[in-house]
Amino acid sequence: MLAGGALAVTTALAAAPASASAALNPDVAPGGNFDLSVWELQLPIGSPGSPTTIGPSQLKGANGYSNPAYFWTDKNDGSMTFWDPESGVTTPNSNYARTELREMNSNGSAADWSLSGTHTLSARLRVVSVTSNVCVGQIHLGSGGSSTKPLLELYYHANGDVVLGLENSPSGGQTLHTLTNVPLGTQWSYVIAIVGGKIQVTVNGQANSYPIASGFSAYHQYFKAGDYNQSSSSSTSNGAKVKFYSLTVAHS
């Protein structure tokens, strides 16, 4: 069941690059090309410890929110483009800025799902620039305890390595797994999923499965995707730029 489910998702993604890119309209806001009714956007601006967020009702639709500095539709290829500088505003629990989507429910409440069932985040993207490395997808801990850690983070490094970080426990500490190498500027795909009580991460059609540590069983989860830069400085020009060509969430 686990392998079969992954195959069905990754086969669909493998056929997506040309058609997905061709279908993107460069003349609308990101919400005109992507279903942003189930996402909230965090920006690297605002006040210290309290970044600006944009809710689903503002993001969705062809005339939805865009920002020429941090979140916009590329006029050449229609991609949903994220940028954040190393000097951006951060949350209280992180030293790094982000222009990142946080999963929401269709009724506008914050997504917070259990580990049972099947939960899938699928994306096609390319990283245009990055100083050190950037997190482009997460499963983050929600309710169920006091931890503010992720369950997992998917990183893209400046040398092209795609690396999965699995949290060892809700208390922290990550184990890193290098999955593949993708040259900077090249499109690639990922699927991050919880299937049958296990973590499955598929990059460019290659699937890897990992157990979930018992300490996470009490927690609910939610997806994040976008541009969570993993370096900080006073620079307003150094940072990460990430372009998404498809982004979908499914639960069953």
Protein backbone atom coordinates (compact mmCIF):
# COMPACT_ATOMS: atom_id res chain seq x y z
CA MET A 1 0.00 0.00 0.00
CA LEU A 2 2.81 2.41 0.93
CA ALA A 3 4.81 1.85 -2.24
CA GLY A 4 1.75 1.81 -4.45
CA GLY A 5 0.44 5.09 -3.08
CA ALA A 6 3.80 6.77 -3.59
CA LEU A 7 4.06 5.46 -7.14
CA ALA A 8 0.69 6.89 -8.08
CA VAL A 9 1.61 10.34 -6.80
CA THR A 10 5.12 10.48 -8.23
CA THR A 11 4.06 9.18 -11.63
CA ALA A 12 1.61 12.03 -11.92
CA LEU A 13 4.28 14.52 -10.95
CA ALA A 14 6.76 13.09 -13.42
CA ALA A 15 4.47 14.05 -16.25
CA ALA A 16 3.75 17.49 -14.83
CA PRO A 17 6.64 19.85 -15.76
CA ALA A 18 5.66 20.90 -19.28
CA SER A 19 1.90 20.94 -18.77
CA ALA A 20 2.03 22.54 -15.33
CA SER A 21 4.40 25.28 -16.49
CA ALA A 22 2.39 25.90 -19.69
CA ALA A 23 -0.82 26.24 -17.68
CA LEU A 24 0.53 28.99 -15.42
CA ASN A 25 -0.72 32.49 -16.23
CA PRO A 26 2.06 35.09 -15.78
CA ASP A 27 -0.46 37.94 -15.60
CA VAL A 28 -2.27 37.01 -12.38
CA ALA A 29 -1.35 36.93 -8.71
CA PRO A 30 -0.03 33.60 -7.34
CA GLY A 31 -3.55 32.80 -6.14
CA GLY A 32 -4.73 32.73 -9.74
CA ASN A 33 -2.45 29.79 -10.54
CA PHE A 34 -2.36 27.96 -7.21
CA ASP A 35 -5.04 27.03 -4.67
CA LEU A 36 -3.99 29.36 -1.86
CA SER A 37 -7.35 29.12 -0.09
CA VAL A 38 -5.73 26.54 2.22
CA TRP A 39 -2.55 28.48 3.00
CA GLU A 40 -1.40 31.41 5.11
CA LEU A 41 1.72 33.33 4.06
CA GLN A 42 4.41 34.47 6.49
CA LEU A 43 6.65 37.30 5.26
CA PRO A 44 10.14 38.39 6.41
CA ILE A 45 8.80 41.82 7.39
CA GLY A 46 6.86 43.18 10.36
CA SER A 47 8.09 43.76 13.90
CA PRO A 48 10.81 41.68 15.64
CA GLY A 49 9.35 38.36 16.73
CA SER A 50 6.06 39.09 14.94
CA PRO A 51 6.35 38.71 11.16
CA THR A 52 3.56 39.90 8.90
CA THR A 53 1.12 37.15 7.83
CA ILE A 54 -1.37 37.14 4.96
CA GLY A 55 -4.49 34.99 5.37
CA PRO A 56 -6.12 32.65 2.84
CA SER A 57 -8.93 35.06 1.99
CA GLN A 58 -6.36 37.64 0.89
CA LEU A 59 -4.16 35.17 -0.99
CA LYS A 60 -6.73 33.36 -3.09
CA GLY A 61 -7.77 34.26 -6.61
CA ALA A 62 -6.30 35.99 -9.64
CA ASN A 63 -6.45 39.36 -7.87
CA GLY A 64 -5.12 38.02 -4.59
CA TYR A 65 -2.16 39.25 -2.59
CA SER A 66 1.25 39.62 -4.17
CA ASN A 67 4.34 41.55 -3.09
CA PRO A 68 6.98 42.63 -5.63
CA ALA A 69 9.79 42.16 -3.10
CA TYR A 70 8.89 38.84 -1.46
CA PHE A 71 6.01 36.95 -3.14
CA TRP A 72 4.94 37.35 -6.75
CA THR A 73 4.18 35.70 -10.08
CA ASP A 74 7.15 35.52 -12.43
CA LYS A 75 6.23 37.35 -15.65
CA ASN A 76 8.27 34.92 -17.76
CA ASP A 77 7.08 31.50 -16.59
CA GLY A 78 4.17 32.14 -14.21
CA SER A 79 5.92 30.54 -11.26
CA MET A 80 4.96 31.45 -7.69
CA THR A 81 8.16 33.14 -6.58
CA PHE A 82 9.40 33.49 -3.00
CA TRP A 83 12.30 35.65 -1.82
CA ASP A 84 13.62 36.36 1.65
CA PRO A 85 16.79 38.17 2.74
CA GLU A 86 19.09 37.02 5.51
CA SER A 87 18.22 40.19 7.46
CA GLY A 88 14.46 39.53 7.53
CA VAL A 89 12.13 39.49 10.54
CA THR A 90 11.91 36.10 12.28
CA THR A 91 9.50 34.27 14.57
CA PRO A 92 10.38 34.01 18.30
CA ASN A 93 11.53 30.39 17.89
CA SER A 94 13.82 30.85 14.88
CA ASN A 95 16.90 32.83 13.92
CA TYR A 96 16.03 32.66 10.23
CA ALA A 97 13.66 34.69 8.08
CA ARG A 98 11.14 33.12 5.74
CA THR A 99 8.62 33.77 3.02
CA GLU A 100 6.68 30.57 3.62
CA LEU A 101 3.19 29.14 3.38
CA ARG A 102 1.54 27.51 6.39
CA GLU A 103 -1.28 25.02 5.78
CA MET A 104 -4.80 26.08 6.74
CA ASN A 105 -8.23 24.44 6.57
CA SER A 106 -10.83 25.44 4.01
CA ASN A 107 -12.84 27.20 6.74
CA GLY A 108 -9.87 29.46 7.55
CA SER A 109 -8.75 27.71 10.73
CA ALA A 110 -5.21 26.41 11.18
CA ALA A 111 -4.64 22.88 9.83
CA ASP A 112 -3.89 20.40 12.60
CA TRP A 113 -4.20 16.77 11.48
CA SER A 114 -3.39 13.46 13.17
CA LEU A 115 -0.75 11.02 11.99
CA SER A 116 -3.39 8.44 11.03
CA GLY A 117 -4.55 8.35 7.43
CA THR A 118 -2.71 9.61 4.35
CA HIS A 119 -1.40 13.18 4.12
CA THR A 120 0.50 14.39 1.05
CA LEU A 121 2.30 17.58 0.04
CA SER A 122 3.41 17.56 -3.61
CA ALA A 123 5.48 20.23 -5.36
CA ARG A 124 7.50 21.04 -8.45
CA LEU A 125 9.99 23.83 -7.99
CA ARG A 126 13.44 25.23 -8.61
CA VAL A 127 15.82 27.13 -6.38
CA VAL A 128 17.25 30.14 -8.19
CA SER A 129 19.59 31.43 -5.49
CA VAL A 130 20.58 30.44 -1.97
CA THR A 131 23.39 31.53 0.35
CA SER A 132 23.79 28.33 2.39
CA ASN A 133 20.63 26.22 2.30
CA VAL A 134 16.89 26.75 2.27
CA CYS A 135 13.98 24.69 3.60
CA VAL A 136 11.39 24.22 0.84
CA GLY A 137 8.93 21.87 2.58
CA GLN A 138 8.04 20.80 6.13
CA ILE A 139 5.77 18.74 8.28
CA HIS A 140 5.50 20.79 11.47
CA LEU A 141 4.22 19.84 14.90
CA GLY A 142 0.84 21.29 15.80
CA SER A 143 -1.26 20.62 18.90
CA GLY A 144 -0.59 17.83 21.38
CA GLY A 145 2.33 19.22 23.36
CA SER A 146 4.62 22.19 23.94
CA SER A 147 7.21 21.53 21.23
CA THR A 148 7.63 24.10 18.44
CA LYS A 149 9.81 21.76 16.34
CA PRO A 150 9.10 20.27 12.91
CA LEU A 151 8.66 16.57 12.35
CA LEU A 152 10.77 16.95 9.21
CA GLU A 153 12.30 19.58 6.94
CA LEU A 154 13.42 19.24 3.32
CA TYR A 155 16.45 21.38 2.51
CA TYR A 156 18.11 22.47 -0.72
CA HIS A 157 21.83 23.31 -0.35
CA ALA A 158 23.90 25.72 -2.42
CA ASN A 159 25.90 22.77 -3.83
CA GLY A 160 22.68 21.19 -5.15
CA ASP A 161 22.24 18.57 -2.44
CA VAL A 162 18.64 17.85 -1.43
CA VAL A 163 18.73 16.86 2.24
CA LEU A 164 16.00 15.57 4.52
CA GLY A 165 16.19 16.55 8.18
CA LEU A 166 14.25 14.23 10.50
CA GLU A 167 13.70 15.48 14.05
CA ASN A 168 14.89 12.91 16.58
CA SER A 169 12.23 13.82 19.16
CA PRO A 170 9.94 16.72 20.05
CA SER A 171 12.80 18.02 22.19
CA GLY A 172 14.96 18.60 19.12
CA GLY A 173 18.00 17.35 17.24
CA GLN A 174 17.93 16.40 13.57
CA THR A 175 19.29 13.44 11.65
CA LEU A 176 20.18 14.44 8.07
CA HIS A 177 19.77 12.24 4.99
CA THR A 178 21.18 13.38 1.63
CA LEU A 179 18.63 12.22 -0.97
CA THR A 180 19.99 13.45 -4.32
CA ASN A 181 21.71 16.35 -6.07
CA VAL A 182 19.93 18.84 -8.33
CA PRO A 183 21.92 21.63 -10.04
CA LEU A 184 20.98 25.16 -8.98
CA GLY A 185 18.22 26.56 -11.20
CA THR A 186 16.95 23.13 -12.32
CA GLN A 187 13.31 22.09 -11.81
CA TRP A 188 12.71 19.12 -9.52
CA SER A 189 9.80 17.55 -7.67
CA TYR A 190 9.12 16.37 -4.17
CA VAL A 191 6.35 14.53 -2.37
CA ILE A 192 6.32 14.66 1.44
CA ALA A 193 3.80 12.25 2.91
CA ILE A 194 2.58 10.41 5.96
CA VAL A 195 1.25 7.05 4.78
CA GLY A 196 0.36 4.14 7.02
CA GLY A 197 2.01 5.73 10.05
CA LYS A 198 5.35 6.22 8.27
CA ILE A 199 7.14 9.14 6.66
CA GLN A 200 7.65 8.86 2.92
CA VAL A 201 9.71 11.42 1.01
CA THR A 202 9.99 11.14 -2.76
CA VAL A 203 12.35 13.34 -4.79
CA ASN A 204 12.30 13.13 -8.58
CA GLY A 205 10.47 9.80 -8.37
CA GLN A 206 12.87 8.16 -5.88
CA ALA A 207 11.01 7.21 -2.69
CA ASN A 208 12.46 6.76 0.79
CA SER A 209 10.51 5.60 3.85
CA TYR A 210 11.28 6.37 7.50
CA PRO A 211 9.66 5.42 10.82
CA ILE A 212 8.11 8.07 13.06
CA ALA A 213 9.69 8.21 16.52
CA SER A 214 7.22 7.31 19.27
CA GLY A 215 7.55 10.71 20.94
CA PHE A 216 5.62 12.32 18.09
CA SER A 217 2.54 10.10 18.39
CA ALA A 218 0.69 12.58 20.65
CA TYR A 219 1.12 15.45 18.19
CA HIS A 220 -1.00 16.67 15.32
CA GLN A 221 0.75 18.13 12.29
CA TYR A 222 0.53 20.62 9.41
CA PHE A 223 2.42 21.24 6.17
CA LYS A 224 4.61 24.22 5.30
CA ALA A 225 6.13 25.06 1.91
CA GLY A 226 8.06 27.89 0.33
CA ASP A 227 11.30 29.66 1.20
CA TYR A 228 12.60 29.27 4.75
CA ASN A 229 16.18 30.49 4.48
CA GLN A 230 18.69 28.75 6.77
CA SER A 231 21.24 31.54 7.16
CA SER A 232 21.11 34.98 8.74
CA SER A 233 23.14 38.20 8.59
CA SER A 234 22.59 41.93 8.29
CA SER A 235 22.50 41.63 4.49
CA THR A 236 19.40 42.73 2.60
CA SER A 237 20.74 41.30 -0.70
CA ASN A 238 21.88 37.82 0.36
CA GLY A 239 19.09 35.30 0.75
CA ALA A 240 17.10 32.62 -1.06
CA LYS A 241 14.79 32.74 -4.07
CA VAL A 242 12.53 29.75 -4.77
CA LYS A 243 10.04 29.29 -7.63
CA PHE A 244 7.11 26.84 -7.46
CA TYR A 245 5.44 25.44 -10.59
CA SER A 246 2.96 23.20 -8.75
CA LEU A 247 1.90 22.84 -5.13
CA THR A 248 -0.91 20.63 -3.88
CA VAL A 249 -2.07 19.14 -0.56
CA ALA A 250 -4.25 16.04 -0.14
CA HIS A 251 -5.68 14.26 2.91
CA SER A 252 -7.57 10.97 3.08
